[in-house]
Amino acid sequence: MKTKHLLIAVAVTCLWGFNFSVIKLGIHAMDPFILAGLRFSFAAIPAIFFIKKPNVKISLLASYGLLFGVGVWGLMNLAIYTGVSAGMAGLILEFTVFISVVFGVVFLKEELNKSSVIGLLFALIGLGIILTIEDGSVTVAGVILGLLAAVSWSSISLIIRKAQIKQIFAFIVWSCLFAPIPLFALAFFVNDKNIFTELITINKLGVFSILFQSFITTLLGYWIWNRLMTIYPMSVIAPLNLLVPIFGLMGSALFYDEVVSLDKVLACVIITAGVMIPMCVSWYPLRE
């Protein structure tokens, strides 16, 4: 991998990791569901006027949009709102990798090899360590919401794999159209919040959070990442995602003075090892 491309890829993972801190910034300014709804509103509009609609069924776009907007980021915003720190949120979402393995076995009839089983055991140990953290950066409700967000992320990965979608960036942009209205409705029915009231009281930090998530994290980040995916094999790009929770912890420590204690570092190392074990085993035959 070329050095400049590696640096660009690391920069994207840094943006995605720091994005959890930006989400927390926005949650201080408005309802978590409305924050997510505005994020996807601006991610879709005006981009849809410049990007051609992908040649896929509307039902597929809607399914992806609902799972990505409501299932992943609506729930993750709510997890942070209920007390999960920005640093721990990224680590919890990393469980997407292990849930995707289970989904592959159940829905795609993939074989669960020994390395995957070991990786899953590491993940469970890491989750157990997360649940023992008592410094206020983790809540039981937040962990449950975060794991449900990871399930949603694994579900959309399953959709992409089964549908064999080629125009992935256009697909993401157009699918964002289906997220805002359900998110605004959840804000009203769950938290009794009105989007118009929230917009009137929004401050500059809230505006920054929305715009950063919409244009930098979602559109720019995914555009760059998908461009790199067309240049290099997935086996080269995918492991770099492991940097996201690390940058997430760094961002939370930098902006919110989160204490990066030994148990958090241990959980991060164990979960990362669980992800890397199956990858290293899959790479080994390729090197022989």
Protein backbone atom coordinates (compact mmCIF):
# COMPACT_ATOMS: atom_id res chain seq x y z
CA MET A 1 0.00 0.00 0.00
CA LYS A 2 1.39 3.40 -0.97
CA THR A 3 2.45 5.60 1.92
CA LYS A 4 0.13 8.47 0.94
CA HIS A 5 -2.85 6.10 0.71
CA LEU A 6 -1.99 4.58 4.08
CA LEU A 7 -1.84 8.04 5.66
CA ILE A 8 -5.18 8.98 4.08
CA ALA A 9 -6.78 5.76 5.36
CA VAL A 10 -5.44 6.37 8.87
CA ALA A 11 -6.77 9.94 8.69
CA VAL A 12 -10.26 8.58 7.88
CA THR A 13 -10.17 6.17 10.83
CA CYS A 14 -9.07 9.10 12.99
CA LEU A 15 -12.10 11.11 11.80
CA TRP A 16 -14.42 8.19 12.51
CA GLY A 17 -12.92 7.66 15.96
CA PHE A 18 -13.09 11.34 16.90
CA ASN A 19 -16.65 11.41 15.55
CA PHE A 20 -17.88 9.78 18.77
CA SER A 21 -16.69 12.85 20.65
CA VAL A 22 -18.42 15.07 18.08
CA ILE A 23 -21.63 13.08 18.61
CA LYS A 24 -21.37 13.66 22.36
CA LEU A 25 -20.89 17.36 21.66
CA GLY A 26 -24.12 17.41 19.67
CA ILE A 27 -26.03 15.41 22.28
CA HIS A 28 -25.25 18.15 24.81
CA ALA A 29 -27.07 20.53 22.45
CA MET A 30 -30.11 18.51 21.36
CA ASP A 31 -32.08 15.26 21.46
CA PRO A 32 -29.99 12.25 20.28
CA PHE A 33 -32.59 11.14 17.71
CA ILE A 34 -32.94 14.64 16.25
CA LEU A 35 -29.16 14.92 16.06
CA ALA A 36 -29.03 11.70 14.01
CA GLY A 37 -31.99 12.81 11.90
CA LEU A 38 -30.34 16.10 10.99
CA ARG A 39 -27.07 14.29 10.26
CA PHE A 40 -28.72 12.10 7.63
CA SER A 41 -30.87 14.92 6.29
CA PHE A 42 -27.76 16.88 5.33
CA ALA A 43 -25.94 13.74 4.19
CA ALA A 44 -28.72 13.11 1.66
CA ILE A 45 -29.57 16.69 0.67
CA PRO A 46 -28.20 18.27 -1.47
CA ALA A 47 -25.99 15.29 -2.47
CA ILE A 48 -28.86 13.43 -4.17
CA PHE A 49 -29.15 16.26 -6.70
CA PHE A 50 -25.60 15.61 -7.89
CA ILE A 51 -25.31 11.83 -7.49
CA LYS A 52 -27.37 9.55 -9.70
CA LYS A 53 -29.69 7.12 -7.94
CA PRO A 54 -28.15 3.62 -7.89
CA ASN A 55 -29.86 0.91 -9.89
CA VAL A 56 -31.37 -0.94 -6.92
CA LYS A 57 -34.84 -1.49 -5.51
CA ILE A 58 -36.34 1.22 -3.30
CA SER A 59 -37.02 -1.42 -0.66
CA LEU A 60 -33.30 -2.14 -0.46
CA LEU A 61 -32.47 1.56 -0.08
CA ALA A 62 -35.14 1.93 2.60
CA SER A 63 -33.97 -1.14 4.54
CA TYR A 64 -30.38 0.05 4.53
CA GLY A 65 -31.33 3.62 5.42
CA LEU A 66 -33.48 2.56 8.37
CA LEU A 67 -30.88 0.15 9.74
CA PHE A 68 -27.96 2.53 9.20
CA GLY A 69 -29.68 5.72 10.35
CA VAL A 70 -32.00 4.44 13.07
CA GLY A 71 -30.53 1.07 13.98
CA VAL A 72 -26.86 2.04 14.08
CA TRP A 73 -26.55 5.76 14.74
CA GLY A 74 -29.90 6.43 16.36
CA LEU A 75 -29.18 3.73 18.94
CA MET A 76 -25.51 4.68 19.28
CA ASN A 77 -26.48 8.31 19.91
CA LEU A 78 -28.94 7.10 22.54
CA ALA A 79 -26.23 4.90 24.09
CA ILE A 80 -23.97 7.95 24.49
CA TYR A 81 -26.95 9.93 25.80
CA THR A 82 -27.54 7.27 28.50
CA GLY A 83 -23.98 7.53 29.79
CA VAL A 84 -21.58 5.57 27.60
CA SER A 85 -18.46 7.68 27.03
CA ALA A 86 -17.34 8.64 23.55
CA GLY A 87 -14.28 6.44 24.02
CA MET A 88 -16.17 3.32 25.05
CA ALA A 89 -18.85 3.78 22.36
CA GLY A 90 -16.36 3.07 19.59
CA LEU A 91 -15.08 -0.03 21.36
CA ILE A 92 -18.59 -1.43 21.89
CA LEU A 93 -19.45 -0.85 18.23
CA GLU A 94 -16.40 -2.96 17.32
CA PHE A 95 -18.51 -6.01 18.26
CA THR A 96 -19.97 -5.63 14.76
CA VAL A 97 -17.08 -7.81 13.57
CA PHE A 98 -18.04 -10.74 15.78
CA ILE A 99 -21.78 -10.42 15.18
CA SER A 100 -21.08 -10.41 11.43
CA VAL A 101 -19.27 -13.75 11.85
CA VAL A 102 -22.33 -15.23 13.55
CA PHE A 103 -24.63 -13.79 10.86
CA GLY A 104 -22.40 -15.30 8.17
CA VAL A 105 -22.80 -18.74 9.73
CA VAL A 106 -26.57 -18.45 10.28
CA PHE A 107 -27.68 -16.67 7.10
CA LEU A 108 -24.94 -17.33 4.54
CA LYS A 109 -24.09 -20.88 5.70
CA GLU A 110 -20.45 -19.95 6.15
CA GLU A 111 -18.21 -22.28 8.13
CA LEU A 112 -17.21 -21.26 11.65
CA ASN A 113 -13.57 -22.25 11.96
CA LYS A 114 -11.45 -22.55 15.09
CA SER A 115 -9.86 -19.12 14.70
CA SER A 116 -13.31 -17.49 14.55
CA VAL A 117 -14.40 -19.34 17.70
CA ILE A 118 -11.26 -18.16 19.51
CA GLY A 119 -11.94 -14.61 18.28
CA LEU A 120 -15.51 -14.78 19.62
CA LEU A 121 -14.25 -16.00 22.99
CA PHE A 122 -11.84 -13.06 23.14
CA ALA A 123 -14.77 -10.75 22.34
CA LEU A 124 -16.83 -12.15 25.22
CA ILE A 125 -13.90 -11.70 27.61
CA GLY A 126 -13.50 -8.11 26.40
CA LEU A 127 -17.23 -7.48 26.87
CA GLY A 128 -17.01 -8.88 30.40
CA ILE A 129 -14.20 -6.45 31.21
CA ILE A 130 -16.23 -3.54 29.79
CA LEU A 131 -19.16 -4.44 32.05
CA THR A 132 -16.89 -4.32 35.12
CA ILE A 133 -15.76 -0.73 34.47
CA GLU A 134 -17.06 1.47 37.28
CA ASP A 135 -15.75 4.94 36.49
CA GLY A 136 -19.05 6.16 35.05
CA SER A 137 -18.02 5.76 31.39
CA VAL A 138 -20.20 2.66 30.90
CA THR A 139 -23.84 1.96 31.70
CA VAL A 140 -25.71 -1.33 31.30
CA ALA A 141 -28.41 0.35 29.21
CA GLY A 142 -25.76 2.01 27.08
CA VAL A 143 -23.91 -1.26 26.46
CA ILE A 144 -27.17 -2.96 25.43
CA LEU A 145 -28.02 -0.10 23.04
CA GLY A 146 -24.47 -0.17 21.66
CA LEU A 147 -24.64 -3.92 21.04
CA LEU A 148 -28.01 -3.50 19.30
CA ALA A 149 -26.35 -0.84 17.13
CA ALA A 150 -23.62 -3.38 16.32
CA VAL A 151 -26.32 -5.92 15.37
CA SER A 152 -27.83 -3.33 13.01
CA TRP A 153 -24.43 -2.64 11.46
CA SER A 154 -23.90 -6.36 10.91
CA SER A 155 -27.35 -6.53 9.31
CA ILE A 156 -26.52 -3.82 6.76
CA SER A 157 -23.23 -5.58 5.99
CA LEU A 158 -25.31 -8.68 5.29
CA ILE A 159 -27.54 -6.65 2.96
CA ILE A 160 -24.51 -5.36 1.02
CA ARG A 161 -23.03 -8.83 0.68
CA LYS A 162 -26.23 -10.54 -0.42
CA ALA A 163 -27.29 -7.77 -2.82
CA GLN A 164 -23.82 -7.44 -4.39
CA ILE A 165 -24.16 -3.64 -4.56
CA LYS A 166 -21.59 -1.98 -6.80
CA GLN A 167 -22.44 1.75 -6.54
CA ILE A 168 -21.88 1.77 -2.79
CA PHE A 169 -21.35 5.51 -2.30
CA ALA A 170 -24.47 6.47 -4.28
CA PHE A 171 -26.31 3.73 -2.41
CA ILE A 172 -25.34 5.21 0.97
CA VAL A 173 -26.27 8.76 -0.06
CA TRP A 174 -29.72 7.82 -1.36
CA SER A 175 -30.43 5.46 1.54
CA CYS A 176 -29.89 8.38 3.94
CA LEU A 177 -33.21 9.81 2.70
CA PHE A 178 -35.10 7.13 4.61
CA ALA A 179 -33.55 7.78 8.03
CA PRO A 180 -34.59 11.33 9.10
CA ILE A 181 -38.40 11.00 9.39
CA PRO A 182 -38.32 7.84 11.57
CA LEU A 183 -35.63 9.45 13.75
CA PHE A 184 -37.65 12.64 14.20
CA ALA A 185 -40.71 10.52 15.03
CA LEU A 186 -38.75 8.60 17.68
CA ALA A 187 -37.61 11.88 19.22
CA PHE A 188 -41.23 12.95 19.54
CA PHE A 189 -42.71 9.70 20.84
CA VAL A 190 -39.81 8.48 23.01
CA ASN A 191 -38.33 11.70 24.38
CA ASP A 192 -41.23 14.09 23.74
CA LYS A 193 -38.95 16.37 21.71
CA ASN A 194 -40.01 18.46 18.73
CA ILE A 195 -37.56 19.13 15.89
CA PHE A 196 -38.75 22.72 15.48
CA THR A 197 -38.20 23.49 19.16
CA GLU A 198 -34.75 21.88 19.03
CA LEU A 199 -33.76 23.91 15.97
CA ILE A 200 -34.76 27.17 17.64
CA THR A 201 -32.57 26.47 20.67
CA ILE A 202 -29.59 24.92 18.86
CA ASN A 203 -26.20 26.52 19.53
CA LYS A 204 -23.03 26.80 17.44
CA LEU A 205 -21.56 23.60 18.85
CA GLY A 206 -24.70 21.70 17.86
CA VAL A 207 -24.48 23.08 14.32
CA PHE A 208 -20.82 22.08 14.13
CA SER A 209 -21.65 18.55 15.31
CA ILE A 210 -24.36 18.12 12.66
CA LEU A 211 -22.27 19.47 9.79
CA PHE A 212 -19.16 17.51 10.80
CA GLN A 213 -21.12 14.25 10.99
CA SER A 214 -22.98 14.89 7.73
CA PHE A 215 -20.26 16.13 5.41
CA ILE A 216 -16.95 15.08 6.97
CA THR A 217 -17.72 11.78 8.66
CA THR A 218 -20.46 10.41 6.41
CA LEU A 219 -19.91 11.81 2.90
CA LEU A 220 -16.18 12.60 2.79
CA GLY A 221 -15.14 9.69 5.00
CA TYR A 222 -17.12 7.07 3.11
CA TRP A 223 -16.17 8.52 -0.28
CA ILE A 224 -12.44 8.29 0.50
CA TRP A 225 -12.77 4.86 2.08
CA ASN A 226 -14.71 3.41 -0.85
CA ARG A 227 -12.19 4.90 -3.29
CA LEU A 228 -9.41 3.07 -1.44
CA MET A 229 -11.51 -0.12 -1.51
CA THR A 230 -11.45 0.05 -5.33
CA ILE A 231 -7.65 0.27 -5.32
CA TYR A 232 -6.68 -2.27 -2.65
CA PRO A 233 -8.09 -5.66 -1.54
CA MET A 234 -10.48 -5.70 1.42
CA SER A 235 -7.93 -7.77 3.35
CA VAL A 236 -5.58 -4.76 3.21
CA ILE A 237 -8.12 -2.04 4.06
CA ALA A 238 -10.40 -3.76 6.60
CA PRO A 239 -7.82 -4.20 9.42
CA LEU A 240 -7.32 -0.42 9.54
CA ASN A 241 -10.83 -0.17 11.02
CA LEU A 242 -9.25 -1.42 14.24
CA LEU A 243 -7.81 2.06 14.68
CA VAL A 244 -11.29 3.60 15.06
CA PRO A 245 -11.89 2.62 18.73
CA ILE A 246 -8.30 3.61 19.57
CA PHE A 247 -8.83 7.08 18.12
CA GLY A 248 -12.21 7.11 19.85
CA LEU A 249 -10.55 6.65 23.22
CA MET A 250 -7.92 9.24 22.37
CA GLY A 251 -10.55 11.78 21.36
CA SER A 252 -12.59 11.22 24.50
CA ALA A 253 -9.49 11.57 26.68
CA LEU A 254 -8.48 14.73 24.86
CA PHE A 255 -11.82 16.53 24.74
CA TYR A 256 -13.66 15.11 27.77
CA ASP A 257 -10.80 14.13 30.07
CA GLU A 258 -11.88 10.49 30.06
CA VAL A 259 -9.51 8.39 32.15
CA VAL A 260 -7.97 5.65 29.99
CA SER A 261 -7.57 3.12 32.78
CA LEU A 262 -5.85 -0.27 32.64
CA ASP A 263 -9.13 -2.17 32.31
CA LYS A 264 -10.12 -0.07 29.26
CA VAL A 265 -6.74 -0.66 27.63
CA LEU A 266 -7.01 -4.38 28.44
CA ALA A 267 -10.52 -4.60 26.95
CA CYS A 268 -9.33 -2.78 23.82
CA VAL A 269 -6.32 -5.07 23.42
CA ILE A 270 -8.35 -8.27 23.95
CA ILE A 271 -11.12 -7.27 21.54
CA THR A 272 -8.58 -6.15 18.93
CA ALA A 273 -6.74 -9.46 19.32
CA GLY A 274 -10.05 -11.27 18.84
CA VAL A 275 -10.55 -9.45 15.54
CA MET A 276 -6.98 -10.00 14.38
CA ILE A 277 -6.74 -13.75 15.06
CA PRO A 278 -9.17 -14.84 12.30
CA MET A 279 -7.67 -12.25 9.92
CA CYS A 280 -4.11 -13.47 10.49
CA VAL A 281 -5.18 -17.08 9.96
CA SER A 282 -6.97 -16.16 6.71
CA TRP A 283 -3.88 -14.27 5.45
CA TYR A 284 -1.46 -17.11 6.23
CA PRO A 285 -2.33 -19.35 3.24
CA LEU A 286 -2.06 -16.32 0.95
CA ARG A 287 1.56 -15.79 1.98
CA GLU A 288 2.62 -19.39 1.40
